[in-house]
Amino acid sequence: MFNPMRNNEQRSQPRVTLELPVTVSIGSQLSVKGQLKDLAVNSAFIKIKNSIYLNVNDEIGLAISDLPDDPDAQIQVTARISRIVPGEGFAVYFTGVDEESLKYIKKFLPKDQ
């Protein structure tokens, strides 16, 4: 279900490739479904089919669900968009992660890092 990715020079944190559903919240009025593509302790890439208007530095909320070890649990974070890839999705870095969500994120990452 997940594979460690090699670090490239831009990334200082280990990443894993994942395919989990994610809900992206923009403000309090709009939420759209997407797919988590990869995850690090402080960032992620979200694939999204919907055409929504977002900009670099926009603040969003993410709720990652259907976790393999606990399907009822969710990883919830606030994040800021760092890069947009037209037609694919966007990269984010986390600006707020609670302890429970951080615990789940760390379960996915390689233990030797």
C-alpha atoms as a PDB file:
ATOM      1  CA  MET A   1       0.000   0.000   0.000  1.00  0.00           C
ATOM      2  CA  PHE A   2       2.914   2.374   0.546  1.00  0.00           C
ATOM      3  CA  ASN A   3       6.495   2.557  -0.644  1.00  0.00           C
ATOM      4  CA  PRO A   4       9.330   4.664   0.726  1.00  0.00           C
ATOM      5  CA  MET A   5      10.438   7.180  -1.867  1.00  0.00           C
ATOM      6  CA  ARG A   6      14.017   8.218  -2.307  1.00  0.00           C
ATOM      7  CA  ASN A   7      14.779  11.646  -0.969  1.00  0.00           C
ATOM      8  CA  ASN A   8      15.616  14.140  -3.618  1.00  0.00           C
ATOM      9  CA  GLU A   9      17.667  17.214  -2.846  1.00  0.00           C
ATOM     10  CA  GLN A  10      14.587  19.399  -2.281  1.00  0.00           C
ATOM     11  CA  ARG A  11      13.227  17.211   0.490  1.00  0.00           C
ATOM     12  CA  SER A  12      14.786  16.914   3.919  1.00  0.00           C
ATOM     13  CA  GLN A  13      12.120  14.570   5.331  1.00  0.00           C
ATOM     14  CA  PRO A  14      11.482  10.943   4.332  1.00  0.00           C
ATOM     15  CA  ARG A  15       8.298  10.408   2.287  1.00  0.00           C
ATOM     16  CA  VAL A  16       6.046   7.487   1.545  1.00  0.00           C
ATOM     17  CA  THR A  17       3.727   6.977  -1.389  1.00  0.00           C
ATOM     18  CA  LEU A  18       0.149   6.450  -0.209  1.00  0.00           C
ATOM     19  CA  GLU A  19      -3.284   6.278  -1.741  1.00  0.00           C
ATOM     20  CA  LEU A  20      -5.801   7.392   0.852  1.00  0.00           C
ATOM     21  CA  PRO A  21      -8.919   9.534   0.511  1.00  0.00           C
ATOM     22  CA  VAL A  22      -8.595  13.104   1.725  1.00  0.00           C
ATOM     23  CA  THR A  23     -11.121  15.871   2.230  1.00  0.00           C
ATOM     24  CA  VAL A  24      -9.786  19.341   1.469  1.00  0.00           C
ATOM     25  CA  SER A  25     -11.541  22.170   3.328  1.00  0.00           C
ATOM     26  CA  ILE A  26     -11.278  25.683   1.991  1.00  0.00           C
ATOM     27  CA  GLY A  27     -12.646  28.056   4.593  1.00  0.00           C
ATOM     28  CA  SER A  28     -15.779  26.930   6.390  1.00  0.00           C
ATOM     29  CA  GLN A  29     -18.048  26.725   3.344  1.00  0.00           C
ATOM     30  CA  LEU A  30     -16.293  24.514   0.770  1.00  0.00           C
ATOM     31  CA  SER A  31     -14.865  21.007   0.902  1.00  0.00           C
ATOM     32  CA  VAL A  32     -13.771  18.743  -1.945  1.00  0.00           C
ATOM     33  CA  LYS A  33     -12.542  15.161  -2.164  1.00  0.00           C
ATOM     34  CA  GLY A  34      -9.042  14.284  -3.263  1.00  0.00           C
ATOM     35  CA  GLN A  35      -6.456  11.527  -2.956  1.00  0.00           C
ATOM     36  CA  LEU A  36      -3.285  11.591  -0.889  1.00  0.00           C
ATOM     37  CA  LYS A  37      -0.328  10.807  -3.172  1.00  0.00           C
ATOM     38  CA  ASP A  38       2.585  11.052  -0.761  1.00  0.00           C
ATOM     39  CA  LEU A  39       3.176  11.962   2.853  1.00  0.00           C
ATOM     40  CA  ALA A  40       6.055  13.227   5.008  1.00  0.00           C
ATOM     41  CA  VAL A  41       6.030  14.232   8.649  1.00  0.00           C
ATOM     42  CA  ASN A  42       5.449  17.883   7.714  1.00  0.00           C
ATOM     43  CA  SER A  43       4.098  17.856   4.135  1.00  0.00           C
ATOM     44  CA  ALA A  44       2.030  16.005   1.534  1.00  0.00           C
ATOM     45  CA  PHE A  45       0.951  15.979  -2.104  1.00  0.00           C
ATOM     46  CA  ILE A  46      -2.789  15.869  -2.849  1.00  0.00           C
ATOM     47  CA  LYS A  47      -4.182  14.655  -6.187  1.00  0.00           C
ATOM     48  CA  ILE A  48      -7.439  16.370  -7.019  1.00  0.00           C
ATOM     49  CA  LYS A  49      -9.728  15.992 -10.030  1.00  0.00           C
ATOM     50  CA  ASN A  50     -11.968  18.945  -9.295  1.00  0.00           C
ATOM     51  CA  SER A  51     -11.019  22.264 -10.762  1.00  0.00           C
ATOM     52  CA  ILE A  52     -10.894  24.550  -7.752  1.00  0.00           C
ATOM     53  CA  TYR A  53      -9.304  27.941  -7.530  1.00  0.00           C
ATOM     54  CA  LEU A  54      -6.370  27.824  -5.127  1.00  0.00           C
ATOM     55  CA  ASN A  55      -3.160  29.803  -4.880  1.00  0.00           C
ATOM     56  CA  VAL A  56       0.250  29.174  -3.384  1.00  0.00           C
ATOM     57  CA  ASN A  57       0.162  30.166   0.326  1.00  0.00           C
ATOM     58  CA  ASP A  58      -3.596  29.544   0.682  1.00  0.00           C
ATOM     59  CA  GLU A  59      -4.428  27.982   4.061  1.00  0.00           C
ATOM     60  CA  ILE A  60      -6.541  24.809   3.911  1.00  0.00           C
ATOM     61  CA  GLY A  61      -7.648  21.950   6.140  1.00  0.00           C
ATOM     62  CA  LEU A  62      -7.039  18.279   5.352  1.00  0.00           C
ATOM     63  CA  ALA A  63      -8.791  15.222   6.752  1.00  0.00           C
ATOM     64  CA  ILE A  64      -7.121  11.969   5.653  1.00  0.00           C
ATOM     65  CA  SER A  65      -9.359   8.962   6.223  1.00  0.00           C
ATOM     66  CA  ASP A  66      -9.521   5.158   5.800  1.00  0.00           C
ATOM     67  CA  LEU A  67      -6.212   4.598   7.600  1.00  0.00           C
ATOM     68  CA  PRO A  68      -5.100   0.956   7.203  1.00  0.00           C
ATOM     69  CA  ASP A  69      -4.615   0.233  10.937  1.00  0.00           C
ATOM     70  CA  ASP A  70      -7.732   2.083  12.065  1.00  0.00           C
ATOM     71  CA  PRO A  71     -10.375   2.774   9.363  1.00  0.00           C
ATOM     72  CA  ASP A  72     -12.418   4.936  11.754  1.00  0.00           C
ATOM     73  CA  ALA A  73      -9.509   7.264  12.576  1.00  0.00           C
ATOM     74  CA  GLN A  74      -8.567  10.422  10.666  1.00  0.00           C
ATOM     75  CA  ILE A  75      -5.426  12.478  10.303  1.00  0.00           C
ATOM     76  CA  GLN A  76      -6.470  16.129  10.540  1.00  0.00           C
ATOM     77  CA  VAL A  77      -4.085  18.962   9.760  1.00  0.00           C
ATOM     78  CA  THR A  78      -4.059  22.556   8.694  1.00  0.00           C
ATOM     79  CA  ALA A  79      -1.733  23.244   5.799  1.00  0.00           C
ATOM     80  CA  ARG A  80      -0.479  25.905   3.432  1.00  0.00           C
ATOM     81  CA  ILE A  81      -0.182  25.277  -0.316  1.00  0.00           C
ATOM     82  CA  SER A  82       3.456  25.381  -1.387  1.00  0.00           C
ATOM     83  CA  ARG A  83       3.191  24.296  -5.022  1.00  0.00           C
ATOM     84  CA  ILE A  84       0.429  23.744  -7.571  1.00  0.00           C
ATOM     85  CA  VAL A  85       0.780  21.264 -10.448  1.00  0.00           C
ATOM     86  CA  PRO A  86      -1.982  22.057 -12.970  1.00  0.00           C
ATOM     87  CA  GLY A  87      -4.104  19.034 -13.827  1.00  0.00           C
ATOM     88  CA  GLU A  88      -2.541  16.931 -11.033  1.00  0.00           C
ATOM     89  CA  GLY A  89      -2.905  18.534  -7.637  1.00  0.00           C
ATOM     90  CA  PHE A  90      -0.869  20.467  -5.114  1.00  0.00           C
ATOM     91  CA  ALA A  91       1.851  20.165  -2.487  1.00  0.00           C
ATOM     92  CA  VAL A  92       1.301  21.435   1.043  1.00  0.00           C
ATOM     93  CA  TYR A  93       3.321  21.899   4.189  1.00  0.00           C
ATOM     94  CA  PHE A  94       1.599  21.420   7.498  1.00  0.00           C
ATOM     95  CA  THR A  95       1.023  24.429   9.713  1.00  0.00           C
ATOM     96  CA  GLY A  96      -0.936  22.623  12.431  1.00  0.00           C
ATOM     97  CA  VAL A  97      -0.937  18.943  13.439  1.00  0.00           C
ATOM     98  CA  ASP A  98      -2.400  17.571  16.673  1.00  0.00           C
ATOM     99  CA  GLU A  99      -0.527  14.863  18.609  1.00  0.00           C
ATOM    100  CA  GLU A 100      -2.901  12.047  17.599  1.00  0.00           C
ATOM    101  CA  SER A 101      -2.580  12.907  13.888  1.00  0.00           C
ATOM    102  CA  LEU A 102       1.211  13.164  14.178  1.00  0.00           C
ATOM    103  CA  LYS A 103       1.280   9.691  15.755  1.00  0.00           C
ATOM    104  CA  TYR A 104      -0.575   8.249  12.731  1.00  0.00           C
ATOM    105  CA  ILE A 105       1.656  10.106  10.243  1.00  0.00           C
ATOM    106  CA  LYS A 106       4.795   8.708  11.882  1.00  0.00           C
ATOM    107  CA  LYS A 107       3.408   5.147  11.626  1.00  0.00           C
ATOM    108  CA  PHE A 108       3.610   5.406   7.827  1.00  0.00           C
ATOM    109  CA  LEU A 109       7.192   6.664   7.647  1.00  0.00           C
ATOM    110  CA  PRO A 110      10.318   4.488   7.487  1.00  0.00           C
ATOM    111  CA  LYS A 111      11.570   3.609  10.978  1.00  0.00           C
ATOM    112  CA  ASP A 112      15.259   3.940  10.107  1.00  0.00           C
ATOM    113  CA  GLN A 113      15.035   7.658   9.348  1.00  0.00           C
END
